[in-house]
Amino acid sequence: MTDNTPAPQVWPTLRARDARALIRFLVDVVGFEETAVYGDGDVVDHAQLSWPLGGGIMLGSDREGEWRLPPGTFGAYVVVDDPDALYERVTAAGADILRKPSDTDYGSREFGLRDPEGNLWSFGTYRGEPRANNVS
């Protein structure tokens, strides 16, 4: 990150059958920022996508090994300032909408979609509860 925002210390990660296409969807349609992509040809060894409001994800091409996450098994909640505007953008791009924007009983406005790999994403205004000051 190039600003003074602290780098996240927890990184959700996922694998993709077509990592480059998933990166394009998440950047061009959803609004993530492409921070780093390493790999050759169709293979992505590592990618970091940053979310404009903070945090981000890491992803790579599906491959065998000790860190095997089957494609399409990831789910995440992402904080957005204007879920209705994002919903309009992803809908116009043909995204697979699972849940239209609605208000929740915990004060969020949110919607859900499935990305081209089958991963589930929920976007909403809920920023979580404040942490206690005495976290150890």
N, C-alpha and C. Protein backbone atom coordinates (compact mmCIF):
# COMPACT_ATOMS: atom_id res chain seq x y z
N MET A 1 0.85 -1.17 0.00
CA MET A 1 0.00 0.00 0.00
C MET A 1 0.90 1.24 0.00
N THR A 2 0.51 2.24 -0.73
CA THR A 2 1.37 3.39 -0.88
C THR A 2 0.97 4.54 0.04
N ASP A 3 -0.15 4.46 0.72
CA ASP A 3 -0.53 5.52 1.64
C ASP A 3 -0.13 5.12 3.06
N ASN A 4 -0.63 5.83 4.05
CA ASN A 4 -0.28 5.54 5.43
C ASN A 4 -1.20 4.53 6.08
N THR A 5 -2.08 3.91 5.32
CA THR A 5 -2.98 2.89 5.85
C THR A 5 -2.16 1.66 6.22
N PRO A 6 -2.32 1.16 7.46
CA PRO A 6 -1.56 -0.04 7.81
C PRO A 6 -1.98 -1.22 6.94
N ALA A 7 -1.01 -2.04 6.58
CA ALA A 7 -1.31 -3.23 5.79
C ALA A 7 -2.12 -4.20 6.64
N PRO A 8 -3.08 -4.90 6.03
CA PRO A 8 -3.85 -5.89 6.77
C PRO A 8 -2.92 -6.96 7.34
N GLN A 9 -3.31 -7.52 8.45
CA GLN A 9 -2.54 -8.59 9.05
C GLN A 9 -3.23 -9.94 8.90
N VAL A 10 -4.44 -9.95 8.35
CA VAL A 10 -5.15 -11.18 8.03
C VAL A 10 -5.57 -11.06 6.57
N TRP A 11 -5.21 -12.07 5.76
CA TRP A 11 -5.50 -12.04 4.34
C TRP A 11 -6.37 -13.21 3.93
N PRO A 12 -7.63 -12.98 3.61
CA PRO A 12 -8.42 -14.06 3.02
C PRO A 12 -7.77 -14.48 1.69
N THR A 13 -7.75 -15.78 1.42
CA THR A 13 -7.11 -16.28 0.21
C THR A 13 -8.04 -17.23 -0.52
N LEU A 14 -7.86 -17.30 -1.83
CA LEU A 14 -8.66 -18.20 -2.64
C LEU A 14 -7.87 -18.66 -3.86
N ARG A 15 -8.32 -19.75 -4.45
CA ARG A 15 -7.74 -20.31 -5.66
C ARG A 15 -8.78 -20.23 -6.78
N ALA A 16 -8.29 -20.22 -8.01
CA ALA A 16 -9.19 -20.10 -9.15
C ALA A 16 -8.73 -20.98 -10.30
N ARG A 17 -9.69 -21.52 -11.04
CA ARG A 17 -9.38 -22.28 -12.25
C ARG A 17 -8.80 -21.34 -13.31
N ASP A 18 -9.36 -20.13 -13.42
CA ASP A 18 -8.86 -19.11 -14.34
C ASP A 18 -8.61 -17.85 -13.52
N ALA A 19 -7.46 -17.81 -12.87
CA ALA A 19 -7.14 -16.72 -11.94
C ALA A 19 -7.11 -15.37 -12.64
N ARG A 20 -6.59 -15.33 -13.85
CA ARG A 20 -6.52 -14.03 -14.55
C ARG A 20 -7.92 -13.49 -14.86
N ALA A 21 -8.84 -14.36 -15.23
CA ALA A 21 -10.22 -13.92 -15.48
C ALA A 21 -10.89 -13.48 -14.17
N LEU A 22 -10.63 -14.19 -13.09
CA LEU A 22 -11.20 -13.80 -11.80
C LEU A 22 -10.65 -12.44 -11.36
N ILE A 23 -9.36 -12.22 -11.56
CA ILE A 23 -8.78 -10.91 -11.24
C ILE A 23 -9.47 -9.82 -12.04
N ARG A 24 -9.67 -10.05 -13.33
CA ARG A 24 -10.33 -9.04 -14.17
C ARG A 24 -11.74 -8.74 -13.65
N PHE A 25 -12.50 -9.79 -13.29
CA PHE A 25 -13.85 -9.60 -12.75
C PHE A 25 -13.80 -8.78 -11.46
N LEU A 26 -12.93 -9.17 -10.55
CA LEU A 26 -12.88 -8.49 -9.24
C LEU A 26 -12.39 -7.05 -9.35
N VAL A 27 -11.50 -6.78 -10.31
CA VAL A 27 -10.99 -5.42 -10.50
C VAL A 27 -11.95 -4.60 -11.36
N ASP A 28 -12.27 -5.10 -12.54
CA ASP A 28 -13.05 -4.32 -13.51
C ASP A 28 -14.53 -4.20 -13.15
N VAL A 29 -15.11 -5.23 -12.56
CA VAL A 29 -16.54 -5.22 -12.26
C VAL A 29 -16.81 -4.82 -10.82
N VAL A 30 -16.11 -5.45 -9.87
CA VAL A 30 -16.42 -5.24 -8.45
C VAL A 30 -15.73 -3.99 -7.89
N GLY A 31 -14.50 -3.72 -8.29
CA GLY A 31 -13.84 -2.51 -7.83
C GLY A 31 -12.60 -2.71 -6.96
N PHE A 32 -12.09 -3.94 -6.85
CA PHE A 32 -10.81 -4.14 -6.18
C PHE A 32 -9.72 -3.45 -6.99
N GLU A 33 -8.59 -3.17 -6.34
CA GLU A 33 -7.44 -2.58 -7.02
C GLU A 33 -6.36 -3.65 -7.16
N GLU A 34 -5.82 -3.78 -8.36
CA GLU A 34 -4.76 -4.76 -8.61
C GLU A 34 -3.45 -4.22 -8.04
N THR A 35 -2.98 -4.82 -6.98
CA THR A 35 -1.77 -4.37 -6.30
C THR A 35 -0.55 -5.14 -6.78
N ALA A 36 -0.68 -6.45 -6.96
CA ALA A 36 0.43 -7.27 -7.44
C ALA A 36 -0.11 -8.53 -8.08
N VAL A 37 0.51 -8.93 -9.20
CA VAL A 37 0.19 -10.20 -9.85
C VAL A 37 1.50 -10.79 -10.34
N TYR A 38 1.81 -12.02 -9.85
CA TYR A 38 3.03 -12.71 -10.24
C TYR A 38 2.67 -14.03 -10.90
N GLY A 39 3.34 -14.36 -11.98
CA GLY A 39 3.12 -15.61 -12.69
C GLY A 39 3.35 -15.42 -14.17
N ASP A 40 3.36 -16.53 -14.88
CA ASP A 40 3.60 -16.50 -16.32
C ASP A 40 2.41 -17.10 -17.06
N GLY A 41 2.10 -16.50 -18.20
CA GLY A 41 1.01 -17.02 -19.03
C GLY A 41 -0.31 -17.04 -18.27
N ASP A 42 -1.00 -18.17 -18.33
CA ASP A 42 -2.29 -18.30 -17.66
C ASP A 42 -2.16 -18.57 -16.17
N VAL A 43 -0.96 -18.88 -15.70
CA VAL A 43 -0.76 -19.25 -14.29
C VAL A 43 -0.46 -18.01 -13.45
N VAL A 44 -1.21 -17.87 -12.36
CA VAL A 44 -0.95 -16.82 -11.39
C VAL A 44 -0.42 -17.50 -10.13
N ASP A 45 0.85 -17.23 -9.82
CA ASP A 45 1.46 -17.80 -8.62
C ASP A 45 0.96 -17.08 -7.38
N HIS A 46 0.79 -15.77 -7.48
CA HIS A 46 0.34 -14.96 -6.35
C HIS A 46 -0.24 -13.66 -6.89
N ALA A 47 -1.37 -13.25 -6.34
CA ALA A 47 -1.94 -11.94 -6.65
C ALA A 47 -2.45 -11.32 -5.36
N GLN A 48 -2.30 -10.02 -5.29
CA GLN A 48 -2.86 -9.26 -4.17
C GLN A 48 -3.79 -8.21 -4.76
N LEU A 49 -5.04 -8.23 -4.30
CA LEU A 49 -6.02 -7.23 -4.70
C LEU A 49 -6.41 -6.46 -3.45
N SER A 50 -6.32 -5.14 -3.52
CA SER A 50 -6.63 -4.30 -2.38
C SER A 50 -8.04 -3.74 -2.52
N TRP A 51 -8.74 -3.63 -1.38
CA TRP A 51 -10.06 -3.03 -1.37
C TRP A 51 -9.88 -1.55 -1.05
N PRO A 52 -10.54 -0.64 -1.79
CA PRO A 52 -10.33 0.80 -1.59
C PRO A 52 -10.55 1.29 -0.15
N LEU A 53 -11.43 0.66 0.60
CA LEU A 53 -11.70 1.11 1.97
C LEU A 53 -10.77 0.44 2.99
N GLY A 54 -9.88 -0.41 2.53
CA GLY A 54 -8.94 -1.09 3.41
C GLY A 54 -9.04 -2.59 3.28
N GLY A 55 -7.96 -3.27 3.60
CA GLY A 55 -7.93 -4.72 3.50
C GLY A 55 -7.73 -5.19 2.07
N GLY A 56 -7.88 -6.48 1.88
CA GLY A 56 -7.70 -7.03 0.55
C GLY A 56 -7.72 -8.55 0.60
N ILE A 57 -7.46 -9.14 -0.55
CA ILE A 57 -7.42 -10.60 -0.67
C ILE A 57 -6.16 -11.00 -1.42
N MET A 58 -5.80 -12.25 -1.28
CA MET A 58 -4.73 -12.84 -2.08
C MET A 58 -5.33 -14.03 -2.82
N LEU A 59 -4.86 -14.26 -4.03
CA LEU A 59 -5.36 -15.39 -4.80
C LEU A 59 -4.31 -15.91 -5.75
N GLY A 60 -4.56 -17.09 -6.27
CA GLY A 60 -3.66 -17.69 -7.24
C GLY A 60 -4.37 -18.79 -8.00
N SER A 61 -3.66 -19.33 -8.97
CA SER A 61 -4.21 -20.41 -9.78
C SER A 61 -4.35 -21.68 -8.95
N ASP A 62 -5.36 -22.47 -9.27
CA ASP A 62 -5.57 -23.76 -8.62
C ASP A 62 -4.36 -24.65 -8.87
N ARG A 63 -3.90 -25.31 -7.82
CA ARG A 63 -2.76 -26.23 -7.96
C ARG A 63 -2.75 -27.19 -6.78
N GLU A 64 -2.08 -28.29 -6.99
CA GLU A 64 -1.94 -29.29 -5.94
C GLU A 64 -0.94 -28.80 -4.90
N GLY A 65 -1.00 -29.36 -3.72
CA GLY A 65 -0.02 -29.02 -2.69
C GLY A 65 -0.66 -28.95 -1.33
N GLU A 66 0.14 -28.52 -0.37
CA GLU A 66 -0.32 -28.49 1.01
C GLU A 66 -1.35 -27.39 1.27
N TRP A 67 -1.41 -26.38 0.43
CA TRP A 67 -2.36 -25.27 0.60
C TRP A 67 -3.39 -25.36 -0.53
N ARG A 68 -4.15 -26.44 -0.55
CA ARG A 68 -5.13 -26.68 -1.62
C ARG A 68 -6.49 -26.18 -1.18
N LEU A 69 -6.97 -25.17 -1.83
CA LEU A 69 -8.32 -24.65 -1.62
C LEU A 69 -9.07 -24.88 -2.92
N PRO A 70 -10.06 -25.75 -2.92
CA PRO A 70 -10.79 -25.97 -4.17
C PRO A 70 -11.43 -24.67 -4.68
N PRO A 71 -11.30 -24.35 -5.96
CA PRO A 71 -11.93 -23.15 -6.50
C PRO A 71 -13.42 -23.13 -6.21
N GLY A 72 -13.92 -21.95 -5.96
CA GLY A 72 -15.34 -21.77 -5.73
C GLY A 72 -15.79 -22.06 -4.31
N THR A 73 -14.86 -22.19 -3.35
CA THR A 73 -15.23 -22.52 -1.98
C THR A 73 -14.99 -21.36 -1.01
N PHE A 74 -14.74 -20.19 -1.52
CA PHE A 74 -14.42 -19.01 -0.72
C PHE A 74 -15.68 -18.18 -0.49
N GLY A 75 -15.76 -17.55 0.65
CA GLY A 75 -16.83 -16.60 0.93
C GLY A 75 -16.28 -15.43 1.71
N ALA A 76 -16.74 -14.22 1.44
CA ALA A 76 -16.24 -13.05 2.14
C ALA A 76 -17.33 -11.99 2.26
N TYR A 77 -17.21 -11.20 3.31
CA TYR A 77 -18.04 -10.01 3.50
C TYR A 77 -17.12 -8.81 3.29
N VAL A 78 -17.53 -7.87 2.45
CA VAL A 78 -16.72 -6.71 2.11
C VAL A 78 -17.51 -5.44 2.43
N VAL A 79 -16.90 -4.53 3.19
CA VAL A 79 -17.55 -3.28 3.55
C VAL A 79 -17.51 -2.32 2.37
N VAL A 80 -18.67 -1.72 2.08
CA VAL A 80 -18.78 -0.71 1.03
C VAL A 80 -19.57 0.47 1.56
N ASP A 81 -19.29 1.66 1.03
CA ASP A 81 -20.03 2.85 1.44
C ASP A 81 -21.40 2.93 0.77
N ASP A 82 -21.49 2.46 -0.48
CA ASP A 82 -22.73 2.58 -1.25
C ASP A 82 -23.05 1.25 -1.94
N PRO A 83 -23.66 0.31 -1.20
CA PRO A 83 -23.94 -0.99 -1.80
C PRO A 83 -24.89 -0.92 -2.99
N ASP A 84 -25.80 0.04 -2.99
CA ASP A 84 -26.74 0.15 -4.10
C ASP A 84 -26.03 0.52 -5.40
N ALA A 85 -25.06 1.42 -5.33
CA ALA A 85 -24.29 1.78 -6.53
C ALA A 85 -23.47 0.60 -7.02
N LEU A 86 -22.84 -0.14 -6.09
CA LEU A 86 -22.07 -1.31 -6.49
C LEU A 86 -22.99 -2.37 -7.08
N TYR A 87 -24.15 -2.56 -6.49
CA TYR A 87 -25.13 -3.52 -7.02
C TYR A 87 -25.49 -3.16 -8.46
N GLU A 88 -25.75 -1.90 -8.73
CA GLU A 88 -26.08 -1.47 -10.09
C GLU A 88 -24.93 -1.78 -11.04
N ARG A 89 -23.70 -1.52 -10.63
CA ARG A 89 -22.53 -1.76 -11.48
C ARG A 89 -22.35 -3.24 -11.78
N VAL A 90 -22.41 -4.09 -10.76
CA VAL A 90 -22.18 -5.52 -11.00
C VAL A 90 -23.35 -6.15 -11.75
N THR A 91 -24.55 -5.66 -11.51
CA THR A 91 -25.72 -6.17 -12.24
C THR A 91 -25.61 -5.82 -13.73
N ALA A 92 -25.20 -4.57 -14.02
CA ALA A 92 -25.03 -4.15 -15.41
C ALA A 92 -23.96 -4.98 -16.11
N ALA A 93 -22.99 -5.49 -15.34
CA ALA A 93 -21.92 -6.32 -15.92
C ALA A 93 -22.32 -7.79 -16.01
N GLY A 94 -23.53 -8.13 -15.57
CA GLY A 94 -24.02 -9.50 -15.69
C GLY A 94 -23.65 -10.42 -14.55
N ALA A 95 -23.29 -9.87 -13.38
CA ALA A 95 -22.91 -10.71 -12.24
C ALA A 95 -24.09 -11.59 -11.80
N ASP A 96 -23.76 -12.74 -11.23
CA ASP A 96 -24.74 -13.69 -10.71
C ASP A 96 -25.16 -13.23 -9.31
N ILE A 97 -26.28 -12.55 -9.24
CA ILE A 97 -26.76 -11.97 -7.99
C ILE A 97 -27.48 -13.05 -7.17
N LEU A 98 -27.07 -13.20 -5.93
CA LEU A 98 -27.70 -14.16 -5.02
C LEU A 98 -28.77 -13.50 -4.15
N ARG A 99 -28.53 -12.25 -3.80
CA ARG A 99 -29.45 -11.52 -2.92
C ARG A 99 -29.41 -10.05 -3.30
N LYS A 100 -30.57 -9.49 -3.59
CA LYS A 100 -30.66 -8.06 -3.93
C LYS A 100 -30.42 -7.22 -2.68
N PRO A 101 -30.09 -5.93 -2.85
CA PRO A 101 -29.85 -5.08 -1.69
C PRO A 101 -31.06 -5.07 -0.75
N SER A 102 -30.76 -5.19 0.53
CA SER A 102 -31.80 -5.14 1.56
C SER A 102 -31.17 -4.66 2.85
N ASP A 103 -32.03 -4.21 3.76
CA ASP A 103 -31.60 -3.75 5.07
C ASP A 103 -31.68 -4.91 6.05
N THR A 104 -30.69 -5.00 6.94
CA THR A 104 -30.65 -6.08 7.92
C THR A 104 -31.07 -5.57 9.29
N ASP A 105 -31.32 -6.52 10.20
CA ASP A 105 -31.70 -6.12 11.55
C ASP A 105 -30.50 -5.64 12.37
N TYR A 106 -29.28 -5.76 11.86
CA TYR A 106 -28.11 -5.26 12.57
C TYR A 106 -27.58 -3.96 11.95
N GLY A 107 -28.41 -3.31 11.14
CA GLY A 107 -28.10 -1.97 10.65
C GLY A 107 -27.30 -1.89 9.37
N SER A 108 -27.21 -2.96 8.62
CA SER A 108 -26.45 -2.95 7.38
C SER A 108 -27.39 -2.92 6.18
N ARG A 109 -26.91 -2.40 5.09
CA ARG A 109 -27.57 -2.54 3.79
C ARG A 109 -26.59 -3.35 2.96
N GLU A 110 -27.06 -4.48 2.41
CA GLU A 110 -26.14 -5.38 1.74
C GLU A 110 -26.79 -6.21 0.65
N PHE A 111 -25.93 -6.80 -0.19
CA PHE A 111 -26.38 -7.71 -1.24
C PHE A 111 -25.32 -8.78 -1.41
N GLY A 112 -25.64 -9.84 -2.15
CA GLY A 112 -24.70 -10.92 -2.36
C GLY A 112 -24.60 -11.33 -3.81
N LEU A 113 -23.42 -11.84 -4.20
CA LEU A 113 -23.22 -12.33 -5.55
C LEU A 113 -22.32 -13.55 -5.54
N ARG A 114 -22.33 -14.28 -6.65
CA ARG A 114 -21.42 -15.40 -6.88
C ARG A 114 -20.51 -14.98 -8.03
N ASP A 115 -19.20 -15.09 -7.84
CA ASP A 115 -18.27 -14.70 -8.91
C ASP A 115 -18.17 -15.82 -9.95
N PRO A 116 -17.47 -15.58 -11.06
CA PRO A 116 -17.40 -16.59 -12.12
C PRO A 116 -16.78 -17.93 -11.69
N GLU A 117 -16.05 -17.96 -10.58
CA GLU A 117 -15.46 -19.21 -10.09
C GLU A 117 -16.39 -19.93 -9.12
N GLY A 118 -17.47 -19.27 -8.68
CA GLY A 118 -18.40 -19.87 -7.74
C GLY A 118 -18.25 -19.39 -6.31
N ASN A 119 -17.31 -18.49 -6.05
CA ASN A 119 -17.11 -17.94 -4.71
C ASN A 119 -18.26 -17.01 -4.35
N LEU A 120 -18.57 -16.93 -3.06
CA LEU A 120 -19.68 -16.11 -2.58
C LEU A 120 -19.16 -14.82 -1.95
N TRP A 121 -19.78 -13.72 -2.33
CA TRP A 121 -19.39 -12.40 -1.83
C TRP A 121 -20.63 -11.68 -1.32
N SER A 122 -20.49 -11.07 -0.15
CA SER A 122 -21.54 -10.22 0.40
C SER A 122 -20.93 -8.83 0.57
N PHE A 123 -21.62 -7.81 0.10
CA PHE A 123 -21.14 -6.43 0.18
C PHE A 123 -22.15 -5.63 0.98
N GLY A 124 -21.68 -4.93 2.01
CA GLY A 124 -22.61 -4.17 2.84
C GLY A 124 -21.94 -3.07 3.64
N THR A 125 -22.77 -2.32 4.33
CA THR A 125 -22.30 -1.17 5.08
C THR A 125 -21.87 -1.50 6.51
N TYR A 126 -22.13 -2.71 6.98
CA TYR A 126 -21.78 -3.10 8.35
C TYR A 126 -20.27 -3.20 8.51
N ARG A 127 -19.70 -2.40 9.40
CA ARG A 127 -18.25 -2.36 9.59
C ARG A 127 -17.78 -3.17 10.79
N GLY A 128 -18.67 -3.95 11.37
CA GLY A 128 -18.30 -4.75 12.53
C GLY A 128 -18.46 -3.96 13.82
N GLU A 129 -18.41 -4.67 14.91
CA GLU A 129 -18.51 -4.06 16.22
C GLU A 129 -17.13 -3.60 16.67
N PRO A 130 -17.06 -2.52 17.45
CA PRO A 130 -15.76 -2.07 17.94
C PRO A 130 -15.13 -3.12 18.86
N ARG A 131 -13.82 -3.21 18.79
CA ARG A 131 -13.10 -4.14 19.65
C ARG A 131 -12.97 -3.55 21.05
N ALA A 132 -12.94 -4.42 22.04
CA ALA A 132 -12.72 -3.98 23.42
C ALA A 132 -11.30 -3.43 23.54
N ASN A 133 -11.12 -2.45 24.38
CA ASN A 133 -9.79 -1.83 24.55
C ASN A 133 -8.79 -2.78 25.19
N ASN A 134 -9.27 -3.78 25.89
CA ASN A 134 -8.35 -4.67 26.62
C ASN A 134 -8.13 -5.99 25.87
N VAL A 135 -8.06 -5.92 24.55
CA VAL A 135 -7.81 -7.14 23.76
C VAL A 135 -6.38 -7.60 24.04
N SER A 136 -6.23 -8.88 24.40
CA SER A 136 -4.87 -9.37 24.66
C SER A 136 -4.52 -10.51 23.74
